[in-house]
Every structure is written in C-alpha cells, then in structure tokens.
Protein backbone atom coordinates (compact mmCIF):
# COMPACT_ATOMS: atom_id res chain seq x y z
CA MET A 1 -15.52 23.36 14.36
CA LYS A 2 -15.39 21.41 11.13
CA ILE A 3 -13.30 22.74 8.24
CA LYS A 4 -16.46 23.56 6.27
CA ASP A 5 -17.81 25.61 9.19
CA ILE A 6 -14.57 27.59 9.46
CA LEU A 7 -14.57 28.36 5.74
CA ASN A 8 -18.23 29.42 5.81
CA LEU A 9 -17.61 31.76 8.74
CA TYR A 10 -14.67 33.31 6.90
CA LYS A 11 -16.72 33.66 3.70
CA ASP A 12 -19.53 35.37 5.62
CA GLY A 13 -17.11 37.78 7.26
CA LYS A 14 -17.70 36.36 10.74
CA LEU A 15 -14.12 35.13 11.14
CA ASP A 16 -11.04 37.11 10.16
CA LEU A 17 -8.23 35.62 8.09
CA ASP A 18 -5.72 35.18 10.92
CA LEU A 19 -8.21 33.32 13.13
CA ALA A 20 -9.31 31.16 10.20
CA VAL A 21 -5.71 30.20 9.46
CA LYS A 22 -5.11 29.44 13.15
CA GLU A 23 -8.21 27.23 13.31
CA LEU A 24 -7.30 25.36 10.13
CA SER A 25 -3.63 24.85 11.07
CA GLY A 26 -4.68 23.20 14.34
CA LYS A 27 -7.06 20.75 12.71
CA GLY A 28 -6.23 17.12 13.36
CA ILE A 29 -3.94 17.88 16.31
CA GLU A 30 -4.99 17.66 19.95
CA GLU A 31 -2.23 19.19 22.06
CA MET A 32 -1.81 17.69 25.53
CA GLY A 33 1.61 19.00 26.50
CA PHE A 34 3.20 15.55 26.81
CA ALA A 35 1.45 14.28 23.66
CA ALA A 36 0.04 15.67 20.41
CA LEU A 37 -2.80 13.40 19.33
CA ASP A 38 -3.36 12.83 15.62
CA THR A 39 -7.16 13.00 15.57
CA ASP A 40 -7.42 12.84 11.76
CA ARG A 41 -5.29 9.73 11.29
CA LEU A 42 -8.26 7.45 10.63
CA LYS A 43 -9.47 9.65 7.76
CA ARG A 44 -5.97 9.91 6.31
CA THR A 45 -4.73 6.35 6.66
CA GLY A 46 -7.65 4.08 7.55
CA ILE A 47 -6.13 3.37 10.98
CA PRO A 48 -6.78 5.62 13.99
CA GLU A 49 -4.30 6.98 16.52
CA VAL A 50 -3.22 4.09 18.75
CA ILE A 51 -1.62 4.26 22.20
CA TYR A 52 1.73 2.49 22.52
CA ALA A 53 1.63 2.14 26.29
CA ALA A 54 5.16 0.86 26.90
CA GLY A 55 7.33 3.64 28.29
CA LYS A 56 4.34 5.78 29.22
CA THR A 57 3.16 6.38 32.78
CA VAL A 58 -0.23 5.14 33.92
CA ASP A 59 -1.41 8.73 34.16
CA GLN A 60 -0.33 9.51 30.59
CA VAL A 61 -2.11 6.44 29.21
CA VAL A 62 -5.30 7.30 31.10
CA LYS A 63 -5.28 10.93 29.96
CA ILE A 64 -4.68 10.00 26.31
CA ALA A 65 -7.42 7.35 26.40
CA GLU A 66 -9.84 9.77 28.04
CA ARG A 67 -9.13 12.48 25.46
CA LEU A 68 -9.57 10.04 22.56
CA HIS A 69 -12.85 8.93 24.10
CA GLN A 70 -14.02 12.54 24.39
CA LYS A 71 -13.15 13.13 20.73
CA GLY A 72 -15.22 10.13 19.66
CA ILE A 73 -12.17 8.10 18.62
CA ASP A 74 -12.09 4.37 19.30
CA ILE A 75 -9.32 3.27 21.67
CA LEU A 76 -6.61 0.68 21.23
CA ALA A 77 -3.63 0.58 23.58
CA THR A 78 -0.87 -1.99 23.06
CA LYS A 79 1.75 -3.20 25.56
CA ALA A 80 -0.57 -2.08 28.36
CA THR A 81 -0.35 -3.39 31.91
CA GLU A 82 -3.27 -4.53 34.05
CA GLU A 83 -2.69 -1.51 36.26
CA MET A 84 -3.09 0.78 33.27
CA TYR A 85 -6.30 -0.99 32.34
CA GLU A 86 -7.80 -0.63 35.82
CA PHE A 87 -7.21 3.13 35.77
CA VAL A 88 -8.52 3.47 32.18
CA ARG A 89 -11.63 1.51 33.17
CA SER A 90 -12.25 4.01 35.97
CA VAL A 91 -12.90 6.71 33.34
CA ILE A 92 -14.07 4.46 30.47
CA PRO A 93 -16.08 1.69 32.22
CA HIS A 94 -16.75 -0.41 29.10
CA ALA A 95 -13.10 -0.69 28.03
CA SER A 96 -11.85 -4.27 27.63
CA TYR A 97 -8.51 -5.89 28.42
CA ASN A 98 -6.83 -8.91 26.85
CA LYS A 99 -4.35 -10.07 29.47
CA LEU A 100 -2.36 -12.25 27.07
CA ALA A 101 -2.16 -9.63 24.32
CA LYS A 102 -1.71 -6.75 26.80
CA THR A 103 -4.22 -4.65 24.87
CA ILE A 104 -6.92 -2.24 26.01
CA THR A 105 -9.78 -1.69 23.56
CA TYR A 106 -12.92 0.39 23.43
CA LYS A 107 -15.26 1.03 20.50
CA HIS A 108 -18.03 3.60 20.56
CA LYS A 109 -20.23 1.42 18.33
CA GLU A 110 -20.09 -1.79 16.36
CA GLU A 111 -19.17 -1.30 12.70
CA PRO A 112 -19.61 -3.52 9.63
CA LEU A 113 -16.86 -6.09 9.19
CA ASN A 114 -14.57 -6.07 6.17
CA LYS A 115 -15.58 -8.57 3.51
CA GLY A 116 -13.00 -11.31 4.06
CA TYR A 117 -11.26 -12.72 7.09
CA ILE A 118 -7.70 -12.80 8.40
CA THR A 119 -6.18 -16.01 9.70
CA ILE A 120 -3.49 -15.76 12.34
CA VAL A 121 -1.21 -18.77 12.59
CA ALA A 122 1.14 -19.20 15.56
CA ALA A 123 3.92 -21.76 15.65
CA GLY A 124 3.83 -22.40 19.39
CA THR A 125 1.84 -21.58 22.50
CA SER A 126 4.70 -19.32 23.57
CA ASP A 127 4.07 -17.18 20.48
CA MET A 128 0.46 -16.55 21.50
CA PRO A 129 0.98 -13.15 23.20
CA VAL A 130 2.19 -11.67 19.91
CA ALA A 131 -0.47 -13.55 17.94
CA GLU A 132 -3.16 -12.28 20.30
CA GLU A 133 -1.91 -8.69 19.90
CA ALA A 134 -2.36 -9.17 16.16
CA ALA A 135 -5.82 -10.70 16.66
CA GLU A 136 -7.04 -7.93 18.96
CA THR A 137 -5.74 -5.27 16.57
CA ALA A 138 -7.34 -6.91 13.54
CA ARG A 139 -10.70 -7.20 15.31
CA PHE A 140 -10.44 -3.58 16.46
CA LEU A 141 -10.01 -2.62 12.79
CA ASN A 142 -13.28 -4.40 11.92
CA ASN A 143 -11.96 -7.67 10.55
CA ARG A 144 -13.19 -11.17 11.15
CA VAL A 145 -10.32 -13.20 12.60
CA GLU A 146 -9.63 -16.92 12.68
CA THR A 147 -6.78 -18.24 14.84
CA VAL A 148 -4.72 -21.39 14.38
CA TYR A 149 -2.30 -21.93 17.26
CA ASP A 150 0.48 -24.39 18.08
CA VAL A 151 1.06 -25.74 14.56
CA GLY A 152 4.82 -25.24 14.24
CA VAL A 153 7.25 -27.26 12.15
CA ALA A 154 8.15 -29.62 15.00
CA GLY A 155 4.77 -31.26 14.33
CA ILE A 156 3.94 -30.10 10.83
CA HIS A 157 0.99 -32.51 10.49
CA ARG A 158 -0.94 -30.21 12.87
CA LEU A 159 -0.79 -27.46 10.24
CA PHE A 160 -2.20 -29.65 7.49
CA ASN A 161 -5.22 -30.38 9.66
CA LYS A 162 -6.07 -26.65 9.55
CA LEU A 163 -5.28 -25.87 5.90
CA LYS A 164 -8.83 -25.00 4.82
CA VAL A 165 -9.26 -22.08 7.23
CA ILE A 166 -5.79 -20.85 6.29
CA GLN A 167 -6.11 -21.14 2.51
CA GLU A 168 -9.54 -19.47 2.39
CA ALA A 169 -8.42 -16.36 4.28
CA ARG A 170 -7.77 -13.13 2.35
CA VAL A 171 -4.58 -12.53 4.34
CA ILE A 172 -2.53 -14.78 6.63
CA ILE A 173 -0.36 -13.62 9.52
CA VAL A 174 2.26 -16.18 10.62
CA VAL A 175 3.79 -15.71 14.07
CA ALA A 176 6.86 -17.76 14.93
CA GLY A 177 9.95 -17.66 17.10
CA MET A 178 12.88 -20.11 17.33
CA GLU A 179 14.09 -20.53 13.70
CA GLY A 180 10.91 -18.95 12.25
CA ALA A 181 10.46 -21.52 9.47
CA LEU A 182 6.66 -21.64 9.64
CA ALA A 183 6.18 -18.52 7.51
CA SER A 184 7.99 -20.15 4.58
CA VAL A 185 5.98 -23.34 4.96
CA VAL A 186 2.67 -21.45 4.91
CA GLY A 187 3.88 -19.27 2.05
CA GLY A 188 4.40 -22.37 -0.06
CA LEU A 189 0.84 -23.61 0.57
CA VAL A 190 -1.35 -20.56 -0.09
CA SER A 191 -2.15 -18.11 -2.88
CA LYS A 192 -2.78 -15.19 -0.50
CA PRO A 193 -0.47 -12.58 1.05
CA VAL A 194 1.48 -13.86 4.05
CA ILE A 195 2.80 -11.51 6.71
CA GLY A 196 5.54 -12.98 8.86
CA VAL A 197 5.95 -11.90 12.47
CA PRO A 198 9.19 -13.12 14.08
CA THR A 199 9.00 -13.39 17.86
CA SER A 200 11.67 -13.18 20.53
CA VAL A 201 10.77 -16.69 21.73
CA GLY A 202 13.69 -19.14 21.74
CA TYR A 203 16.97 -20.21 23.30
CA GLY A 204 20.27 -18.33 23.20
CA ALA A 205 21.20 -18.62 19.52
CA SER A 206 17.78 -17.31 18.49
CA PHE A 207 19.16 -13.90 19.58
CA ASN A 208 15.80 -12.64 20.87
CA GLY A 209 14.10 -13.01 17.52
CA ILE A 210 16.94 -12.11 15.14
CA SER A 211 17.18 -15.73 13.96
CA ALA A 212 13.46 -15.89 13.09
CA LEU A 213 13.61 -12.44 11.49
CA LEU A 214 16.48 -13.41 9.19
CA THR A 215 14.81 -16.72 8.27
CA MET A 216 11.62 -14.94 7.25
CA LEU A 217 13.47 -12.22 5.34
CA ASN A 218 15.40 -14.89 3.44
CA SER A 219 12.35 -17.01 2.63
CA CYS A 220 12.29 -18.49 -0.86
CA ALA A 221 8.48 -18.69 -0.75
CA SER A 222 6.95 -15.86 -2.77
CA GLY A 223 4.31 -13.49 -1.40
CA ILE A 224 5.79 -13.11 2.07
CA SER A 225 6.38 -9.77 3.76
CA VAL A 226 7.89 -9.40 7.22
CA VAL A 227 7.38 -6.96 10.09
CA ASN A 228 9.56 -6.27 13.10
CA ILE A 229 10.18 -8.69 15.96
CA ASP A 230 7.10 -9.15 18.20
CA ASN A 231 5.14 -6.59 16.14
CA GLY A 232 1.72 -8.23 16.03
CA PHE A 233 0.15 -4.78 15.88
CA GLY A 234 1.99 -3.79 12.70
CA ALA A 235 1.17 -7.09 11.01
CA ALA A 236 -2.53 -6.68 11.78
CA CYS A 237 -2.58 -3.13 10.44
CA GLN A 238 -1.04 -4.27 7.16
CA ALA A 239 -3.40 -7.25 6.96
CA SER A 240 -6.41 -5.04 7.60
CA LEU A 241 -5.46 -2.63 4.83
CA ILE A 242 -5.09 -5.57 2.43
CA ASN A 243 -8.44 -6.98 3.54
CA GLN A 244 -10.11 -3.65 2.71
CA LEU A 245 -8.94 -3.69 -0.92
C-alpha cells in the first residue's frame, strides 16, 4: 500500500493505529533475511538501490535482482561475473551484461535522457574496465555518454584530437592508472567539473592505484574531485547528479 492509502484507511477507521504505524515504519524496506533492500532510494537520492555483486553468492545476487524486478525497480549490478549474469537472465530474460565493465543492467522502460552529456576519458586501454563501469552506470542513470579512450600523457597529442567532445560535455570523468596525471591535464583544459578515477593499473611503485590517487588528490588544476580507486560507479553517480542540475 502507498503511504496515502494507509493514512486514508486510518482516517476512515479501517486501520487501527498500531497497524498503521507498522505499515508506515516498514515503508521503503524490503526484508530478505540476508539483505534489506532500500526500495525508496531513488525517490530520496535520485539513484536507485544498486547491487554490489562482489562478495555475494550467485543465489543472493539472483534473489535480489528478482525482488527488485518484482518491485518495479530498474536493476544495476556491478562487479558481477558471467555466471551471475546467466542465472539472473534465467529469471529476467532481457537483462544485459557488459563483460568488460562486469555490469548487469535491466530497465523496465526507456526514460528521457538528462539534458547534457557526460564524457568519460580513459588514459589507457587497460583502464577501460573501470571506464566502462562508469559508462554503463551513467547510461543506466539516463545520461548520454561519450567515451574517449587511450589518450594518456605518454601520447598527449591524442587527447588534443578529441578536445571538442571533452570540452562540450557538462561533466568529465577521467580514468587513469600509473601516475594518474591525465586528470590534471584535462582539468587545465576545461571549464566543467572533472571527476578523477584512479585505477589500480600499473607496475609495483603504483601501489595498486595509491600513486594515481595521490596525484589526483594533489592536483593543482581547479575543479577536480576524486573518487576511490577503481570506483567508476561512484564517479558516474556523482556525474549524473551534476548533469541533472
């Protein structure tokens, strides 16, 4: 029942106070024993409940996806394996899988796109899994996405060849491993918000992304914010919220 229906039943004397309180206190929570789904998150935050599949069993991912589907909530699962996808597809046949991004997506219907577009820039081909996670998330959140891949500082002229699509975006996500310098370079060329995503790509002294993270955090280019290592999902969520302003 919707909140309005509960209140009307109470007002008409068809629902006693204790039952009304119980119904209202459970709103927005779908208890599953091993998970408590936040079914009102989209209304509250603009971003729906999302499945972080890493660390979950195949059965848990399938049951959560199925329950979200039953509740009419669009489905995005990150860090999902192909095995998880095959089992999800057995109960939600039109679900899609991006093998590189490791994402499962399903939308009940197509929705209008936000007014601007998000450009995702990746330094190297090895950064593409994280960039693709960001791209899939941004598209799931109803944004038009442009991608610019393999334009890192080792061949900076490649970036300049793509400046127009970068500069005309409303938000830019820059994904880079190794020393992570690309975010600062882009930040010095655009007048739009830049979200840096350090990746764990690199040799020993990159410390699994710590080097890129510290470079981005210490950037002297203004207008740059930084998310956690390999967190393409978080960057896309932030970019989508900015693109809705």
